[in-house]
Structure formats: C-alpha cells, structure tokens
Amino acid sequence: MQKQTGLLRLIKAFGYSLAGLKAAFIHEAAFRQEVILSLLLIPLALFLGANGIERALLISGLFVVLIAELFNSAIEAVADRISEEKHPLIKRAKDIGSAAVLVALCYAVLVWLLVLWGG
C-alpha cells in the first residue's frame, strides 16, 4: 500500500485527532471534568490577564493539564488492553501517567498564582 502524503494525510490525521478527543471525552471522566474546568477558566484568564503574555500563560497551564490527561488516558487504555491483571510494570506505567497529570495540575495552579498574585 502506498503511503499517503500531502493534504489527504493531514485531513485523515485531523480526523484521527478528533476521534481521540471524542473517545477521551466519552470514556474518561477526569478529561471531561478538566475540559469543563478549562471552558470556565479560559474566559476568566482572558479577563484577568493584564496582557497577552499573562493570558497565554494562564491558558497554557490549562492546555498542559489536558495534554497530560490525554497521554495518561492513552497509557491506561494500552495497559488495560495488554492485561487487566495486576502487574508491577502496568501499575508503574499507570502511576507515572497519573503523576504527569498531577505535575501538570501543579504547574497550572502555580502559573495562576504567580500571574494573579505574584505581582
């Protein structure tokens, strides 16, 4: 089979990305919660940020959380596909993915605190 290139490849890749977002939203409660929180906080960030850089920082923290959650959900899905029995390596992979989300959440909170009250 010939490898696709150009615009068709980009269109298909975009479709796969949308399918991934839809799957995460449908199957992952944490992702849904973080999307809702982001939808509430993004307008607030646009209002509270004093300039473009502050607004970008506030919003970037929210996107980092969503990205980390997507990776964490992907790791969990692959791990569960391999085996649902308890295994130390699967537990480690899931725990590390969860830690990535925690670090992202801490980053977002820190950015918000520094921008809004770090004066």
N, C-alpha and C. Protein backbone atom coordinates (compact mmCIF):
# COMPACT_ATOMS: atom_id res chain seq x y z
N MET A 1 0.84 -1.19 0.00
CA MET A 1 0.00 0.00 0.00
C MET A 1 0.88 1.24 0.00
N GLN A 2 0.52 2.20 -0.80
CA GLN A 2 1.31 3.42 -0.92
C GLN A 2 1.01 4.35 0.26
N LYS A 3 2.06 4.95 0.78
CA LYS A 3 1.92 5.87 1.90
C LYS A 3 1.28 7.17 1.42
N GLN A 4 0.32 7.67 2.21
CA GLN A 4 -0.35 8.91 1.83
C GLN A 4 0.51 10.11 2.22
N THR A 5 0.45 11.12 1.40
CA THR A 5 1.19 12.35 1.68
C THR A 5 0.28 13.54 1.41
N GLY A 6 0.74 14.70 1.82
CA GLY A 6 0.06 15.94 1.48
C GLY A 6 -1.23 16.17 2.24
N LEU A 7 -2.14 16.82 1.55
CA LEU A 7 -3.38 17.28 2.16
C LEU A 7 -4.24 16.12 2.66
N LEU A 8 -4.33 15.05 1.91
CA LEU A 8 -5.16 13.91 2.33
C LEU A 8 -4.65 13.33 3.65
N ARG A 9 -3.34 13.22 3.79
CA ARG A 9 -2.78 12.71 5.04
C ARG A 9 -3.13 13.64 6.20
N LEU A 10 -3.04 14.94 5.97
CA LEU A 10 -3.37 15.90 7.02
C LEU A 10 -4.84 15.82 7.42
N ILE A 11 -5.70 15.66 6.43
CA ILE A 11 -7.14 15.54 6.71
C ILE A 11 -7.43 14.29 7.53
N LYS A 12 -6.82 13.18 7.14
CA LYS A 12 -7.02 11.94 7.90
C LYS A 12 -6.45 12.05 9.31
N ALA A 13 -5.28 12.66 9.45
CA ALA A 13 -4.68 12.83 10.78
C ALA A 13 -5.58 13.70 11.66
N PHE A 14 -6.15 14.74 11.09
CA PHE A 14 -7.07 15.59 11.83
C PHE A 14 -8.29 14.79 12.29
N GLY A 15 -8.79 13.93 11.42
CA GLY A 15 -9.93 13.06 11.78
C GLY A 15 -9.58 12.12 12.92
N TYR A 16 -8.38 11.54 12.89
CA TYR A 16 -7.95 10.66 13.98
C TYR A 16 -7.85 11.45 15.29
N SER A 17 -7.37 12.67 15.21
CA SER A 17 -7.24 13.50 16.40
C SER A 17 -8.61 13.82 16.99
N LEU A 18 -9.56 14.16 16.13
CA LEU A 18 -10.91 14.42 16.61
C LEU A 18 -11.53 13.17 17.24
N ALA A 19 -11.28 12.02 16.64
CA ALA A 19 -11.77 10.76 17.20
C ALA A 19 -11.17 10.51 18.58
N GLY A 20 -9.89 10.85 18.74
CA GLY A 20 -9.25 10.68 20.04
C GLY A 20 -9.84 11.60 21.09
N LEU A 21 -10.09 12.86 20.71
CA LEU A 21 -10.72 13.79 21.65
C LEU A 21 -12.11 13.32 22.05
N LYS A 22 -12.86 12.84 21.07
CA LYS A 22 -14.21 12.33 21.33
C LYS A 22 -14.16 11.12 22.26
N ALA A 23 -13.24 10.19 21.99
CA ALA A 23 -13.12 8.99 22.82
C ALA A 23 -12.74 9.36 24.26
N ALA A 24 -11.81 10.30 24.40
CA ALA A 24 -11.40 10.72 25.75
C ALA A 24 -12.58 11.37 26.47
N PHE A 25 -13.33 12.20 25.77
CA PHE A 25 -14.45 12.88 26.40
C PHE A 25 -15.54 11.89 26.81
N ILE A 26 -15.79 10.90 25.97
CA ILE A 26 -16.83 9.91 26.27
C ILE A 26 -16.42 8.96 27.38
N HIS A 27 -15.18 8.49 27.35
CA HIS A 27 -14.76 7.40 28.23
C HIS A 27 -13.98 7.82 29.47
N GLU A 28 -13.54 9.06 29.55
CA GLU A 28 -12.68 9.47 30.66
C GLU A 28 -13.31 10.63 31.44
N ALA A 29 -13.81 10.30 32.64
CA ALA A 29 -14.47 11.31 33.47
C ALA A 29 -13.52 12.46 33.83
N ALA A 30 -12.28 12.13 34.13
CA ALA A 30 -11.32 13.18 34.51
C ALA A 30 -11.10 14.15 33.36
N PHE A 31 -11.03 13.65 32.13
CA PHE A 31 -10.85 14.52 30.97
C PHE A 31 -12.07 15.43 30.82
N ARG A 32 -13.28 14.86 30.97
CA ARG A 32 -14.49 15.68 30.88
C ARG A 32 -14.47 16.80 31.91
N GLN A 33 -14.09 16.46 33.15
CA GLN A 33 -14.04 17.47 34.21
C GLN A 33 -13.03 18.56 33.89
N GLU A 34 -11.88 18.17 33.37
CA GLU A 34 -10.84 19.15 33.05
C GLU A 34 -11.24 20.02 31.85
N VAL A 35 -11.97 19.45 30.90
CA VAL A 35 -12.47 20.25 29.77
C VAL A 35 -13.47 21.28 30.28
N ILE A 36 -14.39 20.86 31.14
CA ILE A 36 -15.38 21.79 31.69
C ILE A 36 -14.69 22.88 32.49
N LEU A 37 -13.73 22.51 33.32
CA LEU A 37 -12.98 23.49 34.10
C LEU A 37 -12.25 24.47 33.17
N SER A 38 -11.66 23.95 32.10
CA SER A 38 -10.96 24.82 31.15
C SER A 38 -11.92 25.77 30.45
N LEU A 39 -13.09 25.27 30.09
CA LEU A 39 -14.08 26.13 29.43
C LEU A 39 -14.55 27.26 30.35
N LEU A 40 -14.53 27.01 31.65
CA LEU A 40 -14.87 28.06 32.61
C LEU A 40 -13.71 29.02 32.85
N LEU A 41 -12.49 28.47 32.90
CA LEU A 41 -11.33 29.29 33.26
C LEU A 41 -10.73 30.07 32.09
N ILE A 42 -10.88 29.60 30.87
CA ILE A 42 -10.29 30.32 29.73
C ILE A 42 -10.88 31.73 29.60
N PRO A 43 -12.21 31.90 29.65
CA PRO A 43 -12.73 33.27 29.61
C PRO A 43 -12.24 34.11 30.80
N LEU A 44 -12.12 33.48 31.96
CA LEU A 44 -11.61 34.19 33.14
C LEU A 44 -10.16 34.61 32.92
N ALA A 45 -9.37 33.74 32.31
CA ALA A 45 -7.97 34.07 32.01
C ALA A 45 -7.89 35.25 31.05
N LEU A 46 -8.77 35.26 30.06
CA LEU A 46 -8.77 36.38 29.11
C LEU A 46 -9.12 37.69 29.80
N PHE A 47 -9.98 37.62 30.80
CA PHE A 47 -10.39 38.81 31.54
C PHE A 47 -9.34 39.24 32.56
N LEU A 48 -8.75 38.27 33.28
CA LEU A 48 -7.82 38.60 34.37
C LEU A 48 -6.40 38.89 33.92
N GLY A 49 -5.99 38.31 32.81
CA GLY A 49 -4.64 38.57 32.33
C GLY A 49 -4.48 40.03 31.93
N ALA A 50 -3.39 40.64 32.38
CA ALA A 50 -3.18 42.07 32.11
C ALA A 50 -2.70 42.33 30.68
N ASN A 51 -2.12 41.31 30.05
CA ASN A 51 -1.62 41.46 28.69
C ASN A 51 -1.61 40.09 28.01
N GLY A 52 -1.17 40.08 26.77
CA GLY A 52 -1.17 38.83 26.01
C GLY A 52 -0.33 37.74 26.62
N ILE A 53 0.81 38.12 27.18
CA ILE A 53 1.69 37.11 27.77
C ILE A 53 1.03 36.48 29.00
N GLU A 54 0.43 37.28 29.85
CA GLU A 54 -0.25 36.73 31.03
C GLU A 54 -1.42 35.84 30.62
N ARG A 55 -2.18 36.28 29.64
CA ARG A 55 -3.31 35.47 29.17
C ARG A 55 -2.82 34.14 28.60
N ALA A 56 -1.74 34.20 27.82
CA ALA A 56 -1.17 32.98 27.24
C ALA A 56 -0.67 32.03 28.32
N LEU A 57 -0.03 32.58 29.34
CA LEU A 57 0.46 31.73 30.43
C LEU A 57 -0.69 31.06 31.17
N LEU A 58 -1.71 31.83 31.49
CA LEU A 58 -2.86 31.27 32.22
C LEU A 58 -3.52 30.16 31.41
N ILE A 59 -3.71 30.40 30.13
CA ILE A 59 -4.38 29.41 29.28
C ILE A 59 -3.46 28.21 29.01
N SER A 60 -2.16 28.45 28.88
CA SER A 60 -1.24 27.34 28.60
C SER A 60 -1.25 26.30 29.71
N GLY A 61 -1.36 26.75 30.95
CA GLY A 61 -1.44 25.81 32.06
C GLY A 61 -2.62 24.86 31.92
N LEU A 62 -3.74 25.39 31.46
CA LEU A 62 -4.94 24.56 31.28
C LEU A 62 -4.72 23.55 30.15
N PHE A 63 -4.08 23.98 29.08
CA PHE A 63 -3.81 23.06 27.97
C PHE A 63 -2.81 21.98 28.37
N VAL A 64 -1.83 22.32 29.19
CA VAL A 64 -0.87 21.32 29.66
C VAL A 64 -1.59 20.23 30.44
N VAL A 65 -2.56 20.62 31.26
CA VAL A 65 -3.33 19.63 32.02
C VAL A 65 -4.09 18.71 31.07
N LEU A 66 -4.74 19.29 30.07
CA LEU A 66 -5.50 18.46 29.11
C LEU A 66 -4.58 17.52 28.34
N ILE A 67 -3.42 18.01 27.93
CA ILE A 67 -2.47 17.17 27.21
C ILE A 67 -1.98 16.01 28.08
N ALA A 68 -1.64 16.32 29.33
CA ALA A 68 -1.18 15.27 30.25
C ALA A 68 -2.28 14.24 30.47
N GLU A 69 -3.52 14.69 30.60
CA GLU A 69 -4.63 13.76 30.81
C GLU A 69 -4.84 12.87 29.59
N LEU A 70 -4.68 13.42 28.40
CA LEU A 70 -4.81 12.61 27.19
C LEU A 70 -3.73 11.52 27.15
N PHE A 71 -2.48 11.88 27.45
CA PHE A 71 -1.42 10.88 27.49
C PHE A 71 -1.69 9.83 28.57
N ASN A 72 -2.12 10.28 29.74
CA ASN A 72 -2.42 9.35 30.82
C ASN A 72 -3.53 8.38 30.41
N SER A 73 -4.57 8.89 29.78
CA SER A 73 -5.68 8.03 29.34
C SER A 73 -5.21 7.04 28.29
N ALA A 74 -4.33 7.48 27.38
CA ALA A 74 -3.79 6.57 26.36
C ALA A 74 -2.97 5.46 27.01
N ILE A 75 -2.13 5.81 27.97
CA ILE A 75 -1.33 4.81 28.67
C ILE A 75 -2.23 3.80 29.36
N GLU A 76 -3.26 4.29 30.05
CA GLU A 76 -4.18 3.39 30.75
C GLU A 76 -4.92 2.47 29.78
N ALA A 77 -5.35 3.00 28.64
CA ALA A 77 -6.06 2.17 27.66
C ALA A 77 -5.16 1.06 27.12
N VAL A 78 -3.93 1.40 26.79
CA VAL A 78 -2.99 0.40 26.27
C VAL A 78 -2.68 -0.63 27.36
N ALA A 79 -2.44 -0.17 28.57
CA ALA A 79 -2.14 -1.09 29.67
C ALA A 79 -3.30 -2.05 29.92
N ASP A 80 -4.53 -1.53 29.89
CA ASP A 80 -5.70 -2.38 30.12
C ASP A 80 -5.92 -3.36 28.96
N ARG A 81 -5.54 -2.96 27.76
CA ARG A 81 -5.64 -3.87 26.61
C ARG A 81 -4.66 -5.02 26.74
N ILE A 82 -3.47 -4.71 27.24
CA ILE A 82 -2.45 -5.75 27.40
C ILE A 82 -2.88 -6.75 28.45
N SER A 83 -3.33 -6.23 29.60
CA SER A 83 -3.75 -7.12 30.68
C SER A 83 -4.44 -6.30 31.75
N GLU A 84 -5.55 -6.84 32.25
CA GLU A 84 -6.22 -6.17 33.37
C GLU A 84 -5.81 -6.78 34.71
N GLU A 85 -4.97 -7.83 34.67
CA GLU A 85 -4.49 -8.39 35.93
C GLU A 85 -3.42 -7.46 36.52
N LYS A 86 -3.26 -7.54 37.82
CA LYS A 86 -2.29 -6.67 38.48
C LYS A 86 -0.87 -7.12 38.11
N HIS A 87 -0.10 -6.15 37.68
CA HIS A 87 1.30 -6.40 37.35
C HIS A 87 2.08 -5.15 37.73
N PRO A 88 3.26 -5.33 38.34
CA PRO A 88 4.01 -4.16 38.81
C PRO A 88 4.39 -3.17 37.70
N LEU A 89 4.67 -3.64 36.49
CA LEU A 89 5.04 -2.73 35.41
C LEU A 89 3.83 -1.94 34.91
N ILE A 90 2.67 -2.59 34.84
CA ILE A 90 1.45 -1.88 34.44
C ILE A 90 1.09 -0.85 35.51
N LYS A 91 1.21 -1.23 36.77
CA LYS A 91 0.94 -0.28 37.85
C LYS A 91 1.89 0.91 37.77
N ARG A 92 3.16 0.63 37.51
CA ARG A 92 4.14 1.71 37.40
C ARG A 92 3.79 2.66 36.26
N ALA A 93 3.43 2.10 35.11
CA ALA A 93 3.08 2.93 33.95
C ALA A 93 1.86 3.81 34.27
N LYS A 94 0.85 3.22 34.89
CA LYS A 94 -0.35 3.99 35.23
C LYS A 94 -0.03 5.05 36.29
N ASP A 95 0.77 4.70 37.27
CA ASP A 95 1.14 5.66 38.31
C ASP A 95 1.96 6.83 37.73
N ILE A 96 2.85 6.53 36.81
CA ILE A 96 3.66 7.59 36.20
C ILE A 96 2.77 8.50 35.35
N GLY A 97 1.84 7.92 34.62
CA GLY A 97 0.89 8.73 33.86
C GLY A 97 0.07 9.63 34.77
N SER A 98 -0.37 9.08 35.89
CA SER A 98 -1.12 9.87 36.87
C SER A 98 -0.25 10.97 37.46
N ALA A 99 1.01 10.67 37.71
CA ALA A 99 1.94 11.68 38.24
C ALA A 99 2.12 12.82 37.24
N ALA A 100 2.13 12.51 35.95
CA ALA A 100 2.24 13.55 34.93
C ALA A 100 1.06 14.51 35.01
N VAL A 101 -0.13 13.98 35.24
CA VAL A 101 -1.31 14.83 35.38
C VAL A 101 -1.18 15.69 36.63
N LEU A 102 -0.71 15.11 37.73
CA LEU A 102 -0.53 15.87 38.96
C LEU A 102 0.47 17.00 38.77
N VAL A 103 1.58 16.72 38.11
CA VAL A 103 2.58 17.77 37.85
C VAL A 103 1.97 18.87 36.98
N ALA A 104 1.19 18.49 35.97
CA ALA A 104 0.54 19.47 35.10
C ALA A 104 -0.44 20.33 35.90
N LEU A 105 -1.20 19.71 36.79
CA LEU A 105 -2.13 20.47 37.63
C LEU A 105 -1.38 21.44 38.53
N CYS A 106 -0.28 20.99 39.12
CA CYS A 106 0.54 21.87 39.97
C CYS A 106 1.10 23.03 39.15
N TYR A 107 1.54 22.75 37.93
CA TYR A 107 2.03 23.80 37.03
C TYR A 107 0.94 24.83 36.78
N ALA A 108 -0.26 24.37 36.46
CA ALA A 108 -1.36 25.29 36.16
C ALA A 108 -1.68 26.16 37.37
N VAL A 109 -1.76 25.55 38.55
CA VAL A 109 -2.05 26.32 39.77
C VAL A 109 -0.94 27.32 40.04
N LEU A 110 0.30 26.90 39.91
CA LEU A 110 1.44 27.79 40.15
C LEU A 110 1.43 28.98 39.19
N VAL A 111 1.17 28.72 37.92
CA VAL A 111 1.10 29.81 36.93
C VAL A 111 0.01 30.79 37.31
N TRP A 112 -1.17 30.28 37.64
CA TRP A 112 -2.27 31.16 38.01
C TRP A 112 -1.91 31.99 39.24
N LEU A 113 -1.31 31.35 40.24
CA LEU A 113 -0.93 32.09 41.45
C LEU A 113 0.11 33.16 41.14
N LEU A 114 1.13 32.82 40.39
CA LEU A 114 2.18 33.77 40.07
C LEU A 114 1.68 34.93 39.21
N VAL A 115 0.85 34.63 38.25
CA VAL A 115 0.35 35.69 37.37
C VAL A 115 -0.61 36.61 38.13
N LEU A 116 -1.51 36.01 38.89
CA LEU A 116 -2.56 36.81 39.52
C LEU A 116 -2.16 37.44 40.84
N TRP A 117 -1.26 36.79 41.58
CA TRP A 117 -0.90 37.32 42.89
C TRP A 117 0.60 37.48 43.09
N GLY A 118 1.38 37.17 42.09
CA GLY A 118 2.82 37.24 42.24
C GLY A 118 3.40 38.63 42.05
N GLY A 119 2.58 39.51 41.53
CA GLY A 119 2.85 40.89 41.28
C GLY A 119 4.22 41.33 41.22
